[in-house]
Amino acid sequence: MKQIISQKYSRFVTYLKIFAVLIFLPLAYNFIPITYATATFYLPASDFETVEQTLKKNGYDVTWIDAFMIKLIRVPMKGWYEADPKKHGRFLFYAYLHRKKASTMKVVIYAGETKEEVVKRLANDMKLDEKKLMHYYKKYARFEEGDILAYRYTIARTANEKTTMEYLFRRSKQMLETFAKEHLQEADISKFKQTHIIASIIQKESNLADEMPAISSVIHNRLKKNMRLQMDSTLNYGPYSHTVVTAERIRTDESPFNTYKYKGLPPHALGTMSLEALRAATYPHKNDYLFFMLNKEGKHNFTHDYEEHRKNIKLFKDYLKEKKAQEENSTFSALQNEQNLTDK
């Protein structure tokens, strides 16, 4: 009898130990710290492979148990996430990762901005370090300028410099690659770079989408005829991005951006551009235009005839003189009225 009781007790103790181990191991595993590089990250897709790759890319040590918990409960949807690995245990963190959606904000990249302007405004709007942003911009850049498309982006408010730039470059690259695949017959880098540069010139010349294909035709027609582009916009590069191009500047600027002196395209894009400008660069209007000039309505007059172009230049100059005279007369009248009121 004693032997039977002893055996039963021994089995009971064994079962108790196994049960304790089964309880202890998960509890112990739950308290293993989660390593990570950044708490805020973007999931570009909602399949498990993308989630796992994104987590590992952001420094998370995803084990097979963690992966099982994600699959068991719910795979997070595409979007921005802000996690706090230290707040909950390991099981709860991975099991309920899909609930950790981040608060976001809209960030607008305006057409015609240089990388310095983009970075400066991002630093101001998102309260980030300008030097770090520029570091990551240069790290991910494919071209000298214009890698980030003019667009309205949604970014997590707590995204750091690296995460912000990674997202902007990834999203822009997706749009650029889709565009190249759909619209360019030759998807090689040299062909796309030419389109990229032409689009940036178009963007600097006009923000009106309906005018862009006509401006594109002037650029393409001049290149085919081996003519100088002779466009002020190409001198709006780098530090001169938003400066007025004067006759003195045209005479003295010796850079390859001076298309009054040198034939062909500038060495790289002038700044950010819209998809409309890229489309216009790819599909110029079929015409023989070689010149265009701004008019008093704020649009452009196009022509293939130089004498007609000179008339358009004169018309616009006359308009500017008349406008200036009217403004001066208006200012003089206002000063007279003010003086009359003072004298009374």
Protein backbone atom coordinates (compact mmCIF):
# COMPACT_ATOMS: atom_id res chain seq x y z
CA MET A 1 0.00 0.00 0.00
CA LYS A 2 2.76 2.38 0.97
CA GLN A 3 4.48 1.64 -2.32
CA ILE A 4 1.30 2.47 -4.31
CA ILE A 5 0.84 5.73 -2.40
CA SER A 6 4.50 6.57 -2.96
CA GLN A 7 4.17 5.98 -6.70
CA LYS A 8 1.03 8.11 -6.93
CA TYR A 9 2.70 10.87 -4.96
CA SER A 10 5.75 10.71 -7.20
CA ARG A 11 3.56 10.97 -10.30
CA PHE A 12 1.67 13.87 -8.74
CA VAL A 13 4.91 15.73 -8.03
CA THR A 14 6.11 15.07 -11.60
CA TYR A 15 2.85 16.36 -13.05
CA LEU A 16 3.01 19.37 -10.76
CA LYS A 17 6.55 20.14 -11.94
CA ILE A 18 5.51 19.81 -15.59
CA PHE A 19 2.54 22.06 -14.93
CA ALA A 20 4.76 24.59 -13.17
CA VAL A 21 7.20 24.56 -16.07
CA LEU A 22 4.35 25.03 -18.56
CA ILE A 23 3.14 28.01 -16.55
CA PHE A 24 6.58 29.42 -15.74
CA LEU A 25 8.08 29.30 -19.25
CA PRO A 26 5.39 31.49 -20.89
CA LEU A 27 5.52 33.88 -17.95
CA ALA A 28 9.29 34.03 -18.18
CA TYR A 29 9.15 34.47 -21.94
CA ASN A 30 6.59 37.25 -21.53
CA PHE A 31 9.12 39.28 -19.53
CA ILE A 32 11.99 38.94 -22.00
CA PRO A 33 12.72 42.54 -23.15
CA ILE A 34 11.90 43.41 -26.76
CA THR A 35 14.77 45.01 -28.65
CA TYR A 36 13.83 47.72 -31.15
CA ALA A 37 15.29 50.74 -32.95
CA THR A 38 12.22 52.95 -33.36
CA ALA A 39 8.76 52.88 -31.83
CA THR A 40 7.08 54.51 -34.87
CA PHE A 41 7.08 52.73 -38.21
CA TYR A 42 5.08 52.38 -41.43
CA LEU A 43 3.67 49.09 -42.75
CA PRO A 44 3.52 49.28 -46.57
CA ALA A 45 1.27 46.19 -46.80
CA SER A 46 -0.88 44.00 -44.54
CA ASP A 47 0.53 40.53 -45.28
CA PHE A 48 2.51 38.76 -42.56
CA GLU A 49 5.79 38.66 -44.51
CA THR A 50 5.76 42.46 -44.91
CA VAL A 51 4.89 42.94 -41.23
CA GLU A 52 7.74 40.66 -40.14
CA GLN A 53 10.25 42.31 -42.51
CA THR A 54 9.21 45.81 -41.40
CA LEU A 55 9.52 44.94 -37.72
CA LYS A 56 12.97 43.40 -38.21
CA LYS A 57 14.06 46.37 -40.34
CA ASN A 58 13.12 48.62 -37.42
CA GLY A 59 15.19 46.57 -34.99
CA TYR A 60 12.52 44.27 -33.48
CA ASP A 61 13.65 40.74 -32.57
CA VAL A 62 10.69 38.73 -33.91
CA THR A 63 10.93 35.08 -32.80
CA TRP A 64 8.73 32.23 -34.05
CA ILE A 65 6.60 32.60 -30.91
CA ASP A 66 6.11 36.32 -31.60
CA ALA A 67 5.21 35.53 -35.20
CA PHE A 68 2.71 32.92 -34.00
CA MET A 69 1.00 35.48 -31.74
CA ILE A 70 0.68 37.98 -34.61
CA LYS A 71 -0.83 35.34 -36.88
CA LEU A 72 -3.05 33.92 -34.14
CA ILE A 73 -4.76 37.20 -33.20
CA ARG A 74 -4.63 39.52 -36.25
CA VAL A 75 -2.09 40.71 -38.82
CA PRO A 76 -1.86 44.55 -38.70
CA MET A 77 -3.28 46.52 -41.62
CA LYS A 78 -1.25 48.81 -43.89
CA GLY A 79 -0.47 52.18 -42.26
CA TRP A 80 1.42 54.01 -39.52
CA TYR A 81 2.01 52.40 -36.10
CA GLU A 82 3.30 53.73 -32.83
CA ALA A 83 4.24 50.94 -30.45
CA ASP A 84 5.48 50.93 -26.87
CA PRO A 85 7.39 47.66 -26.33
CA LYS A 86 8.15 48.52 -22.69
CA LYS A 87 4.53 49.11 -21.66
CA HIS A 88 3.19 45.55 -22.01
CA GLY A 89 4.60 42.05 -21.85
CA ARG A 90 6.02 40.39 -24.93
CA PHE A 91 2.90 38.31 -25.65
CA LEU A 92 0.51 41.24 -25.38
CA PHE A 93 2.74 43.49 -27.47
CA TYR A 94 2.84 41.18 -30.49
CA ALA A 95 -0.70 39.87 -30.03
CA TYR A 96 -2.27 43.35 -30.07
CA LEU A 97 0.15 45.15 -32.39
CA HIS A 98 -2.73 45.73 -34.84
CA ARG A 99 -4.32 48.14 -32.34
CA LYS A 100 -1.29 50.46 -32.11
CA LYS A 101 -2.24 52.85 -34.95
CA ALA A 102 -0.28 56.11 -34.81
CA SER A 103 -1.67 59.64 -34.87
CA THR A 104 -0.90 61.15 -38.28
CA MET A 105 -0.59 64.54 -39.95
CA LYS A 106 -0.68 65.80 -43.55
CA VAL A 107 2.62 66.96 -45.02
CA VAL A 108 2.59 68.78 -48.36
CA ILE A 109 5.66 68.77 -50.60
CA TYR A 110 5.22 71.74 -52.93
CA ALA A 111 6.23 71.70 -56.60
CA GLY A 112 9.45 73.50 -57.44
CA GLU A 113 11.14 73.14 -54.05
CA THR A 114 14.82 72.25 -53.73
CA LYS A 115 15.94 69.55 -51.29
CA GLU A 116 17.11 72.27 -48.87
CA GLU A 117 13.65 73.85 -48.91
CA VAL A 118 11.91 70.49 -48.47
CA VAL A 119 14.13 69.54 -45.52
CA LYS A 120 13.87 72.95 -43.86
CA ARG A 121 10.07 72.94 -43.94
CA LEU A 122 9.82 69.32 -42.79
CA ALA A 123 12.07 70.12 -39.84
CA ASN A 124 9.86 73.07 -38.93
CA ASP A 125 6.47 71.36 -39.44
CA MET A 126 7.39 68.07 -37.77
CA LYS A 127 9.78 69.47 -35.13
CA LEU A 128 12.68 67.37 -36.41
CA ASP A 129 16.41 67.95 -36.74
CA GLU A 130 17.25 69.58 -40.10
CA LYS A 131 20.78 68.16 -40.33
CA LYS A 132 19.59 64.62 -39.67
CA LEU A 133 16.84 64.96 -42.26
CA MET A 134 19.36 66.14 -44.86
CA HIS A 135 21.68 63.26 -43.95
CA TYR A 136 18.96 60.72 -44.72
CA TYR A 137 17.81 62.63 -47.80
CA LYS A 138 21.29 62.33 -49.31
CA LYS A 139 21.54 58.70 -48.22
CA TYR A 140 18.38 57.66 -50.07
CA ALA A 141 18.56 60.05 -53.04
CA ARG A 142 18.68 58.64 -56.55
CA PHE A 143 19.05 62.00 -58.25
CA GLU A 144 20.57 65.29 -57.09
CA GLU A 145 17.10 66.89 -56.91
CA GLY A 146 13.47 65.91 -57.35
CA ASP A 147 13.48 62.43 -55.78
CA ILE A 148 10.48 63.33 -53.62
CA LEU A 149 7.40 64.09 -55.71
CA ALA A 150 5.19 67.09 -55.07
CA TYR A 151 2.30 65.44 -53.27
CA ARG A 152 0.18 65.40 -50.10
CA TYR A 153 1.62 62.76 -47.75
CA THR A 154 0.29 61.28 -44.50
CA ILE A 155 3.00 60.79 -41.87
CA ALA A 156 2.96 59.77 -38.19
CA ARG A 157 3.40 62.75 -35.90
CA THR A 158 6.06 60.91 -33.89
CA ALA A 159 8.09 59.64 -36.86
CA ASN A 160 11.80 60.40 -36.50
CA GLU A 161 14.11 61.76 -39.20
CA LYS A 162 15.10 58.37 -40.60
CA THR A 163 11.55 56.99 -40.66
CA THR A 164 10.17 60.17 -42.24
CA MET A 165 12.69 60.21 -45.09
CA GLU A 166 12.42 56.47 -45.66
CA TYR A 167 8.67 56.82 -46.08
CA LEU A 168 8.81 59.87 -48.39
CA PHE A 169 11.42 58.22 -50.61
CA ARG A 170 9.63 54.86 -50.65
CA ARG A 171 6.28 56.43 -51.54
CA SER A 172 7.80 58.67 -54.22
CA LYS A 173 9.80 55.78 -55.66
CA GLN A 174 6.62 53.71 -55.93
CA MET A 175 4.86 56.51 -57.83
CA LEU A 176 7.89 57.17 -60.08
CA GLU A 177 8.37 53.48 -60.88
CA THR A 178 4.67 53.07 -61.65
CA PHE A 179 4.82 56.11 -63.90
CA ALA A 180 7.95 54.88 -65.72
CA LYS A 181 6.43 51.42 -66.21
CA GLU A 182 3.15 52.80 -67.59
CA HIS A 183 4.41 55.71 -69.69
CA LEU A 184 8.02 55.20 -70.75
CA GLN A 185 8.90 52.85 -73.58
CA GLU A 186 12.47 52.66 -72.34
CA ALA A 187 12.58 52.30 -68.57
CA ASP A 188 16.36 52.67 -68.31
CA ILE A 189 17.84 55.28 -65.98
CA SER A 190 19.17 57.59 -68.72
CA LYS A 191 15.78 57.88 -70.43
CA PHE A 192 14.00 58.54 -67.16
CA LYS A 193 16.59 61.07 -66.04
CA GLN A 194 15.95 63.13 -69.19
CA THR A 195 12.20 63.05 -68.57
CA HIS A 196 12.83 63.91 -64.94
CA ILE A 197 14.89 67.02 -65.82
CA ILE A 198 12.41 68.23 -68.46
CA ALA A 199 9.54 67.83 -65.97
CA SER A 200 11.35 70.01 -63.44
CA ILE A 201 11.85 72.76 -66.07
CA ILE A 202 8.17 72.61 -67.02
CA GLN A 203 7.23 72.83 -63.33
CA LYS A 204 9.35 75.98 -62.89
CA GLU A 205 7.84 77.60 -65.98
CA SER A 206 4.19 77.07 -65.05
CA ASN A 207 1.95 75.46 -62.43
CA LEU A 208 -0.99 75.37 -64.87
CA ALA A 209 -1.52 71.75 -65.90
CA ASP A 210 -3.24 72.71 -69.18
CA GLU A 211 -0.16 74.69 -70.29
CA MET A 212 2.45 72.09 -69.38
CA PRO A 213 2.20 69.94 -72.57
CA ALA A 214 2.71 73.06 -74.74
CA ILE A 215 5.77 74.12 -72.72
CA SER A 216 7.02 70.56 -73.05
CA SER A 217 6.66 70.80 -76.84
CA VAL A 218 8.87 73.92 -76.91
CA ILE A 219 11.59 72.11 -74.95
CA HIS A 220 11.42 68.99 -77.14
CA ASN A 221 11.30 70.99 -80.37
CA ARG A 222 14.33 73.06 -79.39
CA LEU A 223 16.31 69.97 -78.37
CA LYS A 224 15.51 68.30 -81.71
CA LYS A 225 16.72 71.38 -83.60
CA ASN A 226 19.88 71.53 -81.45
CA MET A 227 18.85 74.99 -80.24
CA ARG A 228 19.66 76.43 -76.83
CA LEU A 229 16.66 76.20 -74.52
CA GLN A 230 17.19 79.81 -73.37
CA MET A 231 14.83 79.48 -70.41
CA ASP A 232 15.00 81.54 -67.26
CA SER A 233 13.72 78.60 -65.20
CA THR A 234 16.94 76.61 -65.66
CA LEU A 235 18.76 79.38 -63.79
CA ASN A 236 16.43 78.83 -60.82
CA TYR A 237 18.65 76.08 -59.41
CA GLY A 238 20.00 75.53 -55.90
CA PRO A 239 20.40 78.82 -54.00
CA TYR A 240 18.78 80.72 -56.91
CA SER A 241 15.60 78.63 -56.76
CA HIS A 242 13.24 81.58 -56.28
CA THR A 243 15.30 84.53 -57.51
CA VAL A 244 14.41 86.76 -60.46
CA VAL A 245 16.65 86.04 -63.44
CA THR A 246 18.16 89.31 -64.71
CA ALA A 247 20.10 90.14 -67.87
CA GLU A 248 23.21 90.52 -65.70
CA ARG A 249 22.71 87.03 -64.27
CA ILE A 250 22.35 85.56 -67.77
CA ARG A 251 25.62 87.20 -68.82
CA THR A 252 27.64 86.19 -65.77
CA ASP A 253 26.36 82.74 -64.79
CA GLU A 254 28.88 80.21 -66.12
CA SER A 255 27.21 77.09 -64.74
CA PRO A 256 25.79 74.35 -67.01
CA PHE A 257 22.33 75.49 -65.85
CA ASN A 258 22.63 78.60 -68.02
CA THR A 259 20.74 77.40 -71.09
CA TYR A 260 21.24 80.80 -72.72
CA LYS A 261 24.93 79.88 -73.07
CA TYR A 262 24.93 76.09 -73.30
CA LYS A 263 22.94 73.66 -75.42
CA GLY A 264 21.07 70.70 -74.04
CA LEU A 265 19.51 70.05 -70.66
CA PRO A 266 20.90 71.08 -67.24
CA PRO A 267 22.89 68.36 -65.42
CA HIS A 268 20.01 67.47 -63.10
CA ALA A 269 16.46 68.41 -62.09
CA LEU A 270 15.82 71.85 -60.61
CA GLY A 271 13.54 70.73 -57.79
CA THR A 272 10.41 68.79 -56.91
CA MET A 273 7.77 68.17 -59.55
CA SER A 274 4.21 66.96 -59.89
CA LEU A 275 2.95 63.92 -61.78
CA GLU A 276 1.28 66.39 -64.19
CA ALA A 277 4.69 67.82 -65.10
CA LEU A 278 6.07 64.30 -65.64
CA ARG A 279 3.16 63.44 -67.91
CA ALA A 280 3.70 66.64 -69.88
CA ALA A 281 7.42 65.86 -70.24
CA THR A 282 6.49 62.43 -71.61
CA TYR A 283 3.61 63.55 -73.84
CA PRO A 284 4.37 66.99 -75.33
CA HIS A 285 1.78 68.53 -77.65
CA LYS A 286 2.43 67.87 -81.33
CA ASN A 287 3.20 71.33 -82.74
CA ASP A 288 6.05 73.47 -84.05
CA TYR A 289 6.24 75.91 -81.10
CA LEU A 290 9.71 77.24 -80.34
CA PHE A 291 8.85 80.23 -78.12
CA PHE A 292 6.48 81.17 -75.31
CA MET A 293 5.97 84.38 -73.37
CA LEU A 294 3.94 85.33 -70.33
CA ASN A 295 0.88 87.53 -70.92
CA LYS A 296 -1.16 89.86 -68.72
CA GLU A 297 -3.64 87.07 -67.88
CA GLY A 298 -0.84 85.13 -66.18
CA LYS A 299 -0.72 82.49 -68.91
CA HIS A 300 1.60 82.07 -71.89
CA ASN A 301 1.44 82.87 -75.59
CA PHE A 302 3.06 80.21 -77.79
CA THR A 303 4.48 80.63 -81.26
CA HIS A 304 6.97 79.17 -83.76
CA ASP A 305 7.74 82.58 -85.27
CA TYR A 306 10.48 84.71 -83.70
CA GLU A 307 9.01 88.03 -84.86
CA GLU A 308 5.68 87.15 -83.31
CA HIS A 309 7.53 86.15 -80.13
CA ARG A 310 9.20 89.59 -80.05
CA LYS A 311 5.74 91.21 -80.32
CA ASN A 312 4.57 89.10 -77.38
CA ILE A 313 7.59 90.23 -75.37
CA LYS A 314 6.81 93.89 -76.16
CA LEU A 315 3.15 93.45 -75.24
CA PHE A 316 4.08 92.05 -71.85
CA LYS A 317 6.70 94.74 -71.19
CA ASP A 318 4.16 97.44 -72.10
CA TYR A 319 1.68 95.81 -69.74
CA LEU A 320 4.25 95.84 -66.90
CA LYS A 321 5.04 99.52 -67.54
CA GLU A 322 1.35 100.41 -67.53
CA LYS A 323 0.77 98.40 -64.36
CA LYS A 324 3.70 100.11 -62.65
CA ALA A 325 2.42 103.57 -63.68
CA GLN A 326 -1.04 102.74 -62.34
CA GLU A 327 0.43 101.57 -59.03
CA GLU A 328 2.53 104.75 -58.76
CA ASN A 329 -0.50 106.93 -59.53
CA SER A 330 -2.54 105.03 -56.97
CA THR A 331 0.18 105.52 -54.34
CA PHE A 332 0.48 109.23 -55.19
CA SER A 333 -3.30 109.70 -54.93
CA ALA A 334 -3.35 107.96 -51.55
CA LEU A 335 -0.55 110.22 -50.26
CA GLN A 336 -2.39 113.32 -51.51
CA ASN A 337 -5.60 112.29 -49.79
CA GLU A 338 -3.67 111.67 -46.59
CA GLN A 339 -2.04 115.09 -46.84
CA ASN A 340 -5.42 116.78 -47.48
CA LEU A 341 -6.87 115.16 -44.38
CA THR A 342 -3.84 116.33 -42.34
CA ASP A 343 -4.20 119.93 -43.58
CA LYS A 344 -7.86 120.19 -42.50
